[in-house]
């Protein structure tokens, strides 16, 4: 049953107005500049015939060492310079980079055999060999490194011994010669090849990285095999990357990339309007301001994530599945996306993102049914309604939480939450005792293990303040992790997702987010497959740039 409520529209309009007033102005539809924005475009970066792309983004933080950083802002820069053995393109397909082909795998799924491309050089002139690969992973598991994403690779034989300080060499990587090596796992782990395609597996040159020591990844101290190399990097202002003339992957289209750092969205978007940058992301909160005047410069994309209301199944009344079902039935997801998100999302049909194998494409949007929600609450012992309190949300989710609060009030649920800073939120969630929160859980690549296992698997769900325990669900996850048949894995994940999204209603999935970016008409081939802006395919049409800049 679907039912539109007129009373919600004024509320949504008020939220939209609040977002409009809080954001920066984009100028009127007739092209007049926003207050504070110059009407004079900056000098064309391509005026001298060189192709220069200027990208605006938030500062990346402390390091570009992707063994230590987990941020997409860091990866957007580092991935132009350092490369992994494999990578995901902007259609989320994995492709070979430093290898001649995908690795071959033993029948039991534990031994992977690799062949490196010959003649690949780091930008310091040294040739990539299997020794650099082994060094990179040994550095990852050396406790002094402080690597943050080693868990994606700690199934390699010997990894745990290194992490525990019992070994200084990684037993699971054996080198046959400069271009051939094997990696042996402790157990079959189907997503391993996909993990090798992430930024966390970028390969470093042993000599340069060792010599740099603690300064590796700091400022411009980063060397790789990628299409670009550093000319300079001031983490407070901008990074300048120049073409790697000896790139093993073929022609590099741009002469320079300038990544300009902006600490706030308003300044960044005004810089875009003024012509000081050629592209930047456009947050959903500012979409309504820009979608008319800049409609031809906005590109939407859908990352591999799901926004949901995360519930703690150990705490009443969320420990009753009927209450969880009532919460879900109280939310009109189509209305939520249209009026609160200004269309920047897809109403959820299940937990798994539609681009992830295992998503059930036959399912409709979750039902909206106020009467049935009230009935379920009464069956659960709350005929006069119930208060759900103690939850925490971050500032970014406050508008969403307020909208959900309005929906739940209609069925008799008094939904009470506090808005806290990120550090407090993370700390409280990790205790396992946070009653509820909102989160968008994104996968790095299109695999259900990444989107499901770390959050809902029994041994992991406690530190997410979910506390879900279902042996059948865990068995499906275990089987899927070791199964090398991708179609069968997808079927197992579909069954597991039914537990999350229907049978046990572990969380209340709301929508699949839409993200978007702004790019000038002369910027070619700009595309985002997931969370990271990869700039290696971008080109500049110099004639179109000259015409655009007048």
Protein backbone atom coordinates (compact mmCIF):
# COMPACT_ATOMS: atom_id res chain seq x y z
CA UNK A 1 0.00 0.00 0.00
CA UNK A 2 1.42 3.36 -1.01
CA UNK A 3 0.00 6.56 0.32
CA UNK A 4 1.26 10.14 -0.07
CA UNK A 5 0.77 12.40 2.90
CA UNK A 6 0.24 16.06 2.11
CA UNK A 7 1.26 17.05 5.64
CA UNK A 8 4.81 15.85 4.97
CA UNK A 9 5.38 18.20 2.05
CA UNK A 10 5.47 21.43 4.07
CA UNK A 11 7.92 19.76 6.43
CA UNK A 12 10.11 18.65 3.55
CA UNK A 13 9.89 22.08 1.99
CA UNK A 14 11.05 23.62 5.24
CA UNK A 15 13.99 21.24 5.31
CA UNK A 16 14.87 22.10 1.75
CA UNK A 17 14.68 25.81 2.56
CA UNK A 18 16.96 25.30 5.55
CA UNK A 19 19.49 23.52 3.38
CA UNK A 20 19.24 26.27 0.79
CA UNK A 21 19.91 28.99 3.33
CA UNK A 22 22.75 27.03 4.90
CA UNK A 23 24.49 26.33 1.59
CA UNK A 24 26.23 28.62 -0.83
CA UNK A 25 24.47 30.48 -3.61
CA UNK A 26 25.01 29.48 -7.22
CA UNK A 27 23.67 32.63 -8.79
CA UNK A 28 20.36 33.22 -10.48
CA UNK A 29 19.15 31.23 -13.46
CA UNK A 30 19.92 34.16 -15.75
CA UNK A 31 23.62 33.72 -15.04
CA UNK A 32 24.15 36.54 -12.54
CA UNK A 33 26.86 35.76 -10.02
CA UNK A 34 26.24 34.72 -6.45
CA UNK A 35 27.14 37.24 -3.76
CA UNK A 36 30.88 37.28 -3.28
CA UNK A 37 31.67 35.57 -6.58
CA UNK A 38 33.69 37.36 -9.22
CA UNK A 39 32.10 37.72 -12.63
CA UNK A 40 35.51 37.51 -14.34
CA UNK A 41 36.67 33.99 -15.27
CA UNK A 42 40.18 33.00 -14.27
CA UNK A 43 42.81 32.64 -16.98
CA UNK A 44 42.36 29.52 -19.03
CA UNK A 45 44.67 26.77 -17.85
CA UNK A 46 45.02 25.60 -21.45
CA UNK A 47 45.86 28.96 -22.97
CA UNK A 48 49.43 27.84 -23.75
CA UNK A 49 48.27 24.68 -25.53
CA UNK A 50 48.96 22.42 -22.57
CA UNK A 51 46.25 20.29 -21.06
CA UNK A 52 45.84 21.19 -17.39
CA UNK A 53 42.99 19.83 -15.30
CA UNK A 54 42.10 21.60 -12.03
CA UNK A 55 40.14 19.55 -9.50
CA UNK A 56 38.78 20.89 -6.21
CA UNK A 57 38.46 18.63 -3.21
CA UNK A 58 38.73 18.60 0.58
CA UNK A 59 42.20 18.33 2.14
CA UNK A 60 43.24 14.70 2.37
CA UNK A 61 44.64 14.76 5.89
CA UNK A 62 48.04 13.56 7.04
CA UNK A 63 49.29 11.10 4.45
CA UNK A 64 48.98 9.69 0.94
CA UNK A 65 50.37 6.34 2.04
CA UNK A 66 47.38 4.11 1.32
CA UNK A 67 48.57 1.50 3.80
CA UNK A 68 47.93 4.09 6.50
CA UNK A 69 45.18 6.28 5.05
CA UNK A 70 41.65 5.00 4.46
CA UNK A 71 40.25 8.21 2.94
CA UNK A 72 38.86 8.62 -0.56
CA UNK A 73 40.44 12.10 -0.76
CA UNK A 74 43.86 10.52 -0.24
CA UNK A 75 43.14 7.77 -2.75
CA UNK A 76 42.05 10.26 -5.44
CA UNK A 77 45.59 11.65 -5.42
CA UNK A 78 47.63 8.57 -4.57
CA UNK A 79 45.95 6.45 -7.25
CA UNK A 80 47.31 8.72 -9.97
CA UNK A 81 50.85 8.01 -8.73
CA UNK A 82 50.89 4.52 -7.20
CA UNK A 83 49.19 1.45 -8.63
CA UNK A 84 48.06 -1.93 -7.38
CA UNK A 85 48.48 -5.17 -9.31
CA UNK A 86 44.85 -4.86 -10.40
CA UNK A 87 42.33 -2.05 -10.19
CA UNK A 88 38.66 -1.25 -10.70
CA UNK A 89 37.69 0.94 -13.63
CA UNK A 90 34.92 3.52 -13.45
CA UNK A 91 32.35 0.91 -14.41
CA UNK A 92 33.42 -1.09 -11.33
CA UNK A 93 35.02 -3.81 -13.44
CA UNK A 94 38.38 -5.16 -12.29
CA UNK A 95 41.25 -4.97 -14.76
CA UNK A 96 44.93 -5.89 -14.79
CA UNK A 97 47.47 -3.11 -14.29
CA UNK A 98 50.91 -4.40 -13.32
CA UNK A 99 50.26 -8.03 -14.35
CA UNK A 100 50.15 -9.78 -17.71
CA UNK A 101 46.81 -11.33 -16.74
CA UNK A 102 44.68 -12.19 -13.74
CA UNK A 103 46.39 -14.70 -11.43
CA UNK A 104 45.74 -18.40 -11.77
CA UNK A 105 44.30 -20.10 -8.69
CA UNK A 106 44.88 -23.60 -7.36
CA UNK A 107 42.00 -26.03 -7.23
CA UNK A 108 41.62 -25.62 -3.47
CA UNK A 109 41.49 -21.82 -3.83
CA UNK A 110 44.53 -21.06 -1.66
CA UNK A 111 47.50 -20.56 -4.03
CA UNK A 112 47.57 -17.64 -6.47
CA UNK A 113 50.23 -17.47 -9.20
CA UNK A 114 51.18 -14.08 -10.68
CA UNK A 115 53.23 -12.80 -13.59
CA UNK A 116 54.34 -9.16 -13.62
CA UNK A 117 54.58 -7.12 -16.80
CA UNK A 118 58.21 -6.65 -17.76
CA UNK A 119 59.76 -3.23 -18.19
CA UNK A 120 57.43 -1.39 -15.82
CA UNK A 121 59.36 1.42 -14.13
CA UNK A 122 58.71 3.49 -11.06
CA UNK A 123 59.06 7.20 -11.67
CA UNK A 124 62.45 7.16 -9.90
CA UNK A 125 63.73 4.99 -12.75
CA UNK A 126 63.90 1.60 -11.01
CA UNK A 127 62.14 -1.39 -12.54
CA UNK A 128 59.23 -3.09 -10.80
CA UNK A 129 60.06 -6.64 -9.70
CA UNK A 130 58.47 -9.31 -7.53
CA UNK A 131 60.74 -8.17 -4.72
CA UNK A 132 58.85 -4.87 -4.55
CA UNK A 133 55.56 -6.74 -4.27
CA UNK A 134 56.80 -8.85 -1.37
CA UNK A 135 58.32 -5.81 0.32
CA UNK A 136 55.01 -3.94 0.04
CA UNK A 137 53.02 -6.65 1.80
CA UNK A 138 55.69 -7.24 4.41
CA UNK A 139 55.65 -3.52 5.17
CA UNK A 140 51.86 -3.74 5.55
CA UNK A 141 52.14 -6.44 8.22
CA UNK A 142 55.05 -4.87 10.08
CA UNK A 143 53.51 -3.46 13.28
CA UNK A 144 55.63 -0.29 13.18
CA UNK A 145 54.01 0.71 9.87
CA UNK A 146 50.64 1.21 11.49
CA UNK A 147 48.72 -0.08 8.46
CA UNK A 148 44.97 0.29 8.89
CA UNK A 149 43.54 -2.00 6.21
CA UNK A 150 45.65 -5.13 6.68
CA UNK A 151 42.53 -7.15 7.51
CA UNK A 152 41.74 -7.37 3.78
CA UNK A 153 44.95 -9.38 3.32
CA UNK A 154 45.68 -11.02 6.67
CA UNK A 155 44.61 -14.41 5.33
CA UNK A 156 48.01 -14.60 3.59
CA UNK A 157 50.11 -17.28 5.24
CA UNK A 158 52.45 -15.69 7.77
CA UNK A 159 50.58 -12.39 8.04
CA UNK A 160 49.43 -13.02 11.60
CA UNK A 161 52.95 -13.99 12.68
CA UNK A 162 54.27 -10.69 11.35
CA UNK A 163 51.46 -8.71 12.98
CA UNK A 164 52.23 -10.45 16.29
CA UNK A 165 55.93 -9.67 15.99
CA UNK A 166 56.86 -13.36 15.64
CA UNK A 167 58.29 -13.01 12.11
CA UNK A 168 59.90 -10.36 9.92
CA UNK A 169 59.28 -12.12 6.61
CA UNK A 170 55.97 -13.02 4.98
CA UNK A 171 56.00 -16.79 4.45
CA UNK A 172 53.00 -16.75 2.11
CA UNK A 173 54.72 -14.86 -0.72
CA UNK A 174 57.32 -16.86 -2.65
CA UNK A 175 59.37 -15.32 -5.45
CA UNK A 176 60.30 -17.53 -8.40
CA UNK A 177 62.12 -14.81 -10.36
CA UNK A 178 61.85 -11.07 -11.01
CA UNK A 179 58.46 -11.42 -12.68
CA UNK A 180 56.85 -14.49 -11.13
CA UNK A 181 55.60 -15.03 -7.59
CA UNK A 182 52.91 -16.88 -5.67
CA UNK A 183 50.72 -15.88 -2.76
CA UNK A 184 49.39 -18.64 -0.50
CA UNK A 185 46.37 -18.11 1.76
CA UNK A 186 45.57 -19.88 5.00
CA UNK A 187 42.10 -20.67 3.66
CA UNK A 188 40.11 -20.18 0.48
CA UNK A 189 38.86 -16.60 0.32
CA UNK A 190 36.93 -15.74 -2.84
CA UNK A 191 37.19 -11.91 -2.65
CA UNK A 192 41.01 -11.96 -2.40
CA UNK A 193 41.64 -10.99 -6.04
CA UNK A 194 39.17 -8.12 -5.65
CA UNK A 195 40.95 -6.90 -2.53
CA UNK A 196 44.14 -6.76 -4.58
CA UNK A 197 42.43 -4.20 -6.81
CA UNK A 198 41.95 -1.65 -4.03
CA UNK A 199 44.16 1.31 -3.18
CA UNK A 200 45.22 -0.49 -0.01
CA UNK A 201 47.29 -2.86 -2.17
CA UNK A 202 49.26 -0.18 -4.04
CA UNK A 203 52.78 -1.42 -4.78
CA UNK A 204 55.75 0.60 -3.52
CA UNK A 205 59.40 0.55 -4.67
CA UNK A 206 61.44 -1.07 -1.92
CA UNK A 207 64.51 1.16 -2.13
CA UNK A 208 62.67 4.50 -2.29
CA UNK A 209 60.12 3.57 0.37
CA UNK A 210 62.76 2.25 2.76
CA UNK A 211 64.92 5.32 2.27
CA UNK A 212 61.95 7.64 2.92
CA UNK A 213 61.04 5.90 6.16
CA UNK A 214 58.37 7.77 8.12
CA UNK A 215 58.18 10.51 5.49
CA UNK A 216 56.74 8.13 2.86
CA UNK A 217 53.43 9.54 1.66
CA UNK A 218 54.05 12.90 3.34
CA UNK A 219 53.77 15.98 1.10
CA UNK A 220 55.25 15.00 -2.30
CA UNK A 221 57.25 12.04 -1.01
CA UNK A 222 55.53 9.28 -2.99
CA UNK A 223 56.85 7.28 -5.94
CA UNK A 224 54.90 4.81 -8.04
CA UNK A 225 54.30 3.32 -11.46
CA UNK A 226 51.23 5.46 -12.23
CA UNK A 227 50.43 7.83 -15.10
CA UNK A 228 51.38 10.92 -13.08
CA UNK A 229 54.09 11.94 -10.64
CA UNK A 230 54.44 14.76 -8.18
CA UNK A 231 55.86 18.11 -9.12
CA UNK A 232 54.83 19.56 -5.77
CA UNK A 233 52.34 19.09 -2.95
CA UNK A 234 51.42 21.49 -0.19
CA UNK A 235 48.69 19.68 1.79
CA UNK A 236 47.22 23.04 2.79
CA UNK A 237 46.86 24.47 -0.72
CA UNK A 238 47.34 22.23 -3.76
CA UNK A 239 49.12 19.30 -5.35
CA UNK A 240 50.60 19.57 -8.82
CA UNK A 241 50.97 16.31 -10.73
CA UNK A 242 52.76 16.08 -14.06
CA UNK A 243 52.66 13.49 -16.81
CA UNK A 244 54.76 10.35 -16.42
CA UNK A 245 56.41 10.27 -19.84
CA UNK A 246 57.47 6.63 -19.37
CA UNK A 247 54.11 5.31 -18.25
CA UNK A 248 53.74 1.60 -19.01
CA UNK A 249 50.00 1.91 -19.68
CA UNK A 250 50.22 4.01 -22.85
CA UNK A 251 49.48 7.65 -23.62
CA UNK A 252 48.82 9.96 -20.68
CA UNK A 253 46.28 12.55 -21.80
CA UNK A 254 46.90 15.48 -19.47
CA UNK A 255 50.09 17.48 -19.04
CA UNK A 256 49.25 18.48 -15.48
CA UNK A 257 46.68 17.86 -12.77
CA UNK A 258 46.20 20.49 -10.09
CA UNK A 259 44.34 19.18 -7.05
CA UNK A 260 43.30 22.27 -5.11
CA UNK A 261 42.26 21.83 -1.49
CA UNK A 262 39.20 23.56 -0.05
CA UNK A 263 38.32 23.17 3.59
CA UNK A 264 34.65 24.10 3.08
CA UNK A 265 32.09 23.37 0.41
CA UNK A 266 30.99 26.98 -0.04
CA UNK A 267 34.44 28.18 -1.06
CA UNK A 268 34.95 25.22 -3.37
CA UNK A 269 31.68 25.75 -5.22
CA UNK A 270 32.31 29.48 -5.57
CA UNK A 271 35.70 28.60 -7.07
CA UNK A 272 33.91 26.40 -9.59
CA UNK A 273 31.49 29.19 -10.49
CA UNK A 274 34.40 31.60 -10.89
CA UNK A 275 36.26 29.25 -13.22
CA UNK A 276 39.15 28.65 -10.82
CA UNK A 277 38.63 24.89 -11.00
CA UNK A 278 37.30 22.64 -13.73
CA UNK A 279 35.49 20.06 -11.61
CA UNK A 280 34.47 19.18 -8.06
CA UNK A 281 31.92 17.09 -6.23
CA UNK A 282 28.45 18.51 -5.59
CA UNK A 283 27.00 17.47 -2.22
CA UNK A 284 23.33 16.52 -2.12
CA UNK A 285 22.60 19.46 0.19
CA UNK A 286 23.54 21.85 -2.62
CA UNK A 287 21.97 19.93 -5.50
CA UNK A 288 18.73 21.93 -5.54
CA UNK A 289 20.70 25.18 -5.83
CA UNK A 290 22.67 24.07 -8.89
CA UNK A 291 20.49 21.68 -10.84
CA UNK A 292 18.74 24.36 -12.90
CA UNK A 293 21.51 26.79 -13.82
CA UNK A 294 24.16 24.06 -14.12
CA UNK A 295 22.11 21.09 -15.28
CA UNK A 296 24.39 20.44 -18.27
CA UNK A 297 27.45 20.37 -16.00
CA UNK A 298 26.12 17.93 -13.36
CA UNK A 299 26.77 14.21 -13.62
CA UNK A 300 25.08 11.84 -11.18
CA UNK A 301 26.49 8.50 -10.15
CA UNK A 302 25.54 5.78 -7.72
CA UNK A 303 28.18 4.38 -5.35
CA UNK A 304 28.00 0.85 -4.02
CA UNK A 305 26.28 1.71 -0.76
CA UNK A 306 23.02 1.64 1.17
CA UNK A 307 21.75 4.21 3.66
CA UNK A 308 19.92 2.55 6.53
CA UNK A 309 18.70 2.91 10.08
CA UNK A 310 21.03 0.67 12.07
CA UNK A 311 19.32 -0.95 15.08
CA UNK A 312 20.71 -2.66 18.18
CA UNK A 313 18.93 -6.00 18.47
CA UNK A 314 19.99 -6.38 22.10
CA UNK A 315 17.96 -3.38 23.28
CA UNK A 316 14.17 -3.15 23.68
CA UNK A 317 12.02 -2.48 21.80
CA UNK A 318 14.31 -3.15 18.80
CA UNK A 319 14.82 -6.71 20.01
CA UNK A 320 11.30 -7.53 18.76
CA UNK A 321 11.18 -8.14 15.01
CA UNK A 322 7.60 -6.81 14.92
CA UNK A 323 8.81 -3.41 16.11
CA UNK A 324 11.54 -3.42 13.48
CA UNK A 325 8.97 -4.27 10.82
CA UNK A 326 6.70 -1.50 12.09
CA UNK A 327 9.53 1.02 11.79
CA UNK A 328 10.10 -0.05 8.20
CA UNK A 329 6.40 0.14 7.30
CA UNK A 330 6.17 3.65 8.78
CA UNK A 331 8.65 5.11 6.26
CA UNK A 332 7.53 6.27 2.83
CA UNK A 333 10.85 5.84 1.03
CA UNK A 334 9.71 7.25 -2.30
CA UNK A 335 8.50 10.43 -0.63
CA UNK A 336 11.68 10.61 1.46
CA UNK A 337 13.89 10.52 -1.64
CA UNK A 338 11.75 12.96 -3.60
CA UNK A 339 11.23 15.64 -0.98
CA UNK A 340 14.06 15.38 1.54
CA UNK A 341 16.85 14.23 -0.79
CA UNK A 342 15.61 16.24 -3.75
CA UNK A 343 15.69 13.08 -5.82
CA UNK A 344 19.33 12.24 -5.01
CA UNK A 345 18.80 8.56 -4.34
CA UNK A 346 16.91 5.40 -5.20
CA UNK A 347 14.29 4.10 -2.70
CA UNK A 348 15.52 0.84 -1.20
CA UNK A 349 14.04 -2.52 -2.09
CA UNK A 350 16.45 -4.59 0.03
CA UNK A 351 19.73 -4.09 1.86
CA UNK A 352 22.16 -5.09 -0.89
CA UNK A 353 22.93 -2.32 -3.34
CA UNK A 354 21.46 -2.96 -6.84
CA UNK A 355 24.94 -3.08 -8.43
CA UNK A 356 26.16 -5.84 -6.11
CA UNK A 357 25.70 -9.50 -7.11
CA UNK A 358 23.10 -11.04 -4.85
CA UNK A 359 20.70 -8.11 -5.01
CA UNK A 360 17.20 -9.39 -5.81
CA UNK A 361 16.03 -7.32 -8.78
CA UNK A 362 12.48 -8.66 -8.53
CA UNK A 363 11.67 -6.89 -5.26
CA UNK A 364 9.52 -3.73 -5.10
CA UNK A 365 10.27 -0.71 -2.92
CA UNK A 366 9.63 -1.49 0.74
CA UNK A 367 5.95 -1.16 1.59
CA UNK A 368 4.62 1.98 3.26
CA UNK A 369 1.63 1.07 5.44
CA UNK A 370 0.83 3.12 8.55
CA UNK A 371 -2.11 0.97 9.62
CA UNK A 372 -0.12 -2.26 9.45
CA UNK A 373 2.74 -0.60 11.39
CA UNK A 374 0.37 0.35 14.20
CA UNK A 375 -1.05 -3.18 14.23
CA UNK A 376 2.41 -4.73 14.58
CA UNK A 377 3.25 -2.38 17.45
CA UNK A 378 0.08 -3.47 19.24
CA UNK A 379 0.94 -7.13 18.67
CA UNK A 380 4.38 -6.46 20.16
CA UNK A 381 2.76 -5.08 23.31
CA UNK A 382 2.74 -1.37 22.49
CA UNK A 383 -0.88 -0.50 21.60
CA UNK A 384 -0.40 3.05 22.87
CA UNK A 385 2.93 3.56 21.14
CA UNK A 386 6.51 3.34 22.37
CA UNK A 387 9.55 5.56 22.88
CA UNK A 388 12.83 4.65 21.20
CA UNK A 389 15.64 6.75 22.63
CA UNK A 390 19.37 6.91 23.27
CA UNK A 391 20.41 6.89 19.63
CA UNK A 392 23.11 9.13 18.19
CA UNK A 393 23.47 10.62 14.74
CA UNK A 394 26.17 12.71 13.13
CA UNK A 395 25.55 16.17 11.74
CA UNK A 396 25.49 14.79 8.21
CA UNK A 397 22.51 12.55 9.04
CA UNK A 398 20.55 15.03 11.18
CA UNK A 399 18.14 16.07 8.42
CA UNK A 400 17.47 12.44 7.54
CA UNK A 401 16.96 11.52 11.20
CA UNK A 402 14.49 14.38 11.64
CA UNK A 403 12.49 13.18 8.64
CA UNK A 404 12.37 9.63 10.00
CA UNK A 405 11.34 11.04 13.37
CA UNK A 406 8.32 12.62 11.67
CA UNK A 407 7.33 9.37 9.97
CA UNK A 408 7.60 7.30 13.16
CA UNK A 409 5.52 9.79 15.14
CA UNK A 410 2.56 8.99 12.90
CA UNK A 411 2.49 5.36 13.98
CA UNK A 412 3.02 6.12 17.67
CA UNK A 413 6.79 5.83 17.95
CA UNK A 414 8.51 8.65 19.84
CA UNK A 415 11.95 8.63 18.19
CA UNK A 416 14.53 10.50 20.28
CA UNK A 417 18.15 11.03 19.23
CA UNK A 418 21.15 13.23 19.97
CA UNK A 419 23.41 14.82 17.36
CA UNK A 420 27.07 14.24 18.20
CA UNK A 421 30.50 14.71 16.64
CA UNK A 422 32.14 11.94 14.61
CA UNK A 423 34.57 10.91 17.34
CA UNK A 424 31.82 10.46 19.93
CA UNK A 425 29.68 8.58 17.43
CA UNK A 426 32.47 6.16 16.52
CA UNK A 427 33.39 5.55 20.14
CA UNK A 428 29.82 4.87 21.27
CA UNK A 429 29.05 2.60 18.33
CA UNK A 430 32.16 0.51 19.00
CA UNK A 431 30.93 -0.27 22.53
CA UNK A 432 28.11 -2.36 21.07
CA UNK A 433 25.57 -0.49 23.18
CA UNK A 434 24.38 2.33 20.93
CA UNK A 435 20.59 1.79 20.52
CA UNK A 436 20.38 3.08 16.95
CA UNK A 437 22.04 5.30 14.39
CA UNK A 438 22.05 6.08 10.68
CA UNK A 439 24.83 5.08 8.35
CA UNK A 440 25.61 4.62 4.68
CA UNK A 441 27.68 1.46 4.39
CA UNK A 442 29.66 1.47 1.16
CA UNK A 443 31.54 -1.34 -0.49
CA UNK A 444 34.90 -0.68 -2.15
CA UNK A 445 33.90 -2.94 -5.01
CA UNK A 446 30.86 -4.83 -6.21
CA UNK A 447 30.91 -7.80 -3.83
CA UNK A 448 28.40 -8.58 -1.10
CA UNK A 449 31.07 -9.82 1.29
CA UNK A 450 32.35 -6.27 1.59
CA UNK A 451 28.90 -4.77 2.16
CA UNK A 452 27.57 -7.44 4.53
CA UNK A 453 30.28 -9.39 6.37
CA UNK A 454 31.96 -6.62 8.35
CA UNK A 455 28.66 -5.19 9.56
CA UNK A 456 26.24 -8.06 10.15
CA UNK A 457 28.25 -11.27 10.56
CA UNK A 458 27.77 -12.52 14.12
CA UNK A 459 31.38 -12.09 15.23
CA UNK A 460 31.53 -8.57 13.76
CA UNK A 461 28.10 -7.09 14.45
CA UNK A 462 28.77 -6.32 18.11
CA UNK A 463 31.30 -3.59 17.37
CA UNK A 464 28.76 -2.04 15.01
CA UNK A 465 26.14 -1.93 17.82
CA UNK A 466 23.94 -4.37 15.89
CA UNK A 467 24.43 -7.60 17.90
CA UNK A 468 22.81 -9.82 15.30
CA UNK A 469 23.18 -13.56 15.85
CA UNK A 470 21.77 -16.05 13.37
CA UNK A 471 23.78 -19.26 12.71
CA UNK A 472 22.05 -19.81 9.35
CA UNK A 473 22.96 -16.32 8.17
CA UNK A 474 26.56 -16.79 9.32
CA UNK A 475 26.75 -20.16 7.55
CA UNK A 476 25.64 -18.56 4.29
CA UNK A 477 28.31 -15.89 4.69
CA UNK A 478 31.02 -18.45 5.45
CA UNK A 479 30.08 -20.58 2.45
CA UNK A 480 30.00 -17.58 0.12
CA UNK A 481 33.41 -16.36 1.28
CA UNK A 482 35.10 -19.61 0.23
CA UNK A 483 33.07 -20.39 -2.90
CA UNK A 484 34.92 -19.69 -6.17
CA UNK A 485 31.76 -19.97 -8.30
CA UNK A 486 30.63 -16.32 -8.58
CA UNK A 487 27.08 -17.14 -9.68
CA UNK A 488 26.63 -19.51 -6.74
CA UNK A 489 28.13 -16.94 -4.38
CA UNK A 490 25.54 -14.42 -5.59
CA UNK A 491 22.75 -16.87 -4.82
CA UNK A 492 24.10 -17.42 -1.31
CA UNK A 493 24.24 -13.67 -0.72
CA UNK A 494 20.68 -13.31 -1.99
CA UNK A 495 19.58 -15.80 0.65
CA UNK A 496 21.60 -14.00 3.34
CA UNK A 497 20.13 -10.66 2.30
CA UNK A 498 16.61 -12.05 2.76
CA UNK A 499 17.41 -12.60 6.43
CA UNK A 500 18.69 -9.03 6.78
CA UNK A 501 15.96 -7.33 4.80
CA UNK A 502 12.87 -9.44 5.40
CA UNK A 503 12.88 -12.48 7.69
CA UNK A 504 14.76 -10.82 10.56
CA UNK A 505 14.52 -7.17 9.40
CA UNK A 506 17.92 -6.58 11.00
CA UNK A 507 18.13 -3.00 9.73
CA UNK A 508 15.75 -0.59 8.05
CA UNK A 509 17.19 0.07 4.59
CA UNK A 510 16.12 3.48 3.29
CA UNK A 511 17.74 4.32 -0.04
CA UNK A 512 20.72 3.84 -2.32
CA UNK A 513 22.55 7.18 -2.45
CA UNK A 514 23.07 9.27 -5.53
CA UNK A 515 26.23 11.36 -5.64
CA UNK A 516 27.07 13.96 -8.27
CA UNK A 517 29.86 16.16 -9.52
CA UNK A 518 30.22 19.38 -11.49
CA UNK A 519 32.49 19.49 -14.54
CA UNK A 520 32.98 22.14 -17.20
CA UNK A 521 31.81 21.19 -20.71
CA UNK A 522 35.38 20.93 -22.00
CA UNK A 523 36.28 18.22 -19.45
CA UNK A 524 36.11 14.86 -21.21
CA UNK A 525 35.81 11.28 -19.94
CA UNK A 526 35.15 12.24 -16.33
CA UNK A 527 33.31 9.44 -14.59
CA UNK A 528 33.08 7.98 -11.09
CA UNK A 529 32.31 4.33 -10.57
CA UNK A 530 32.14 4.32 -6.80
CA UNK A 531 33.66 6.50 -4.08
CA UNK A 532 37.02 7.58 -5.50
CA UNK A 533 37.65 10.16 -8.20
CA UNK A 534 40.04 8.50 -10.61
CA UNK A 535 41.52 11.10 -12.93
CA UNK A 536 43.67 8.97 -15.22
CA UNK A 537 41.13 8.83 -18.08
CA UNK A 538 40.26 12.54 -18.06
CA UNK A 539 41.06 14.70 -21.07
CA UNK A 540 40.66 18.39 -21.90
CA UNK A 541 39.18 19.61 -25.20
CA UNK A 542 41.31 22.71 -25.71
CA UNK A 543 39.10 24.17 -28.46
CA UNK A 544 35.98 23.74 -26.33
CA UNK A 545 37.82 25.22 -23.36
CA UNK A 546 38.84 28.29 -25.34
CA UNK A 547 35.28 28.77 -26.61
CA UNK A 548 33.81 28.32 -23.13
CA UNK A 549 36.17 30.86 -21.60
CA UNK A 550 35.48 33.35 -24.38
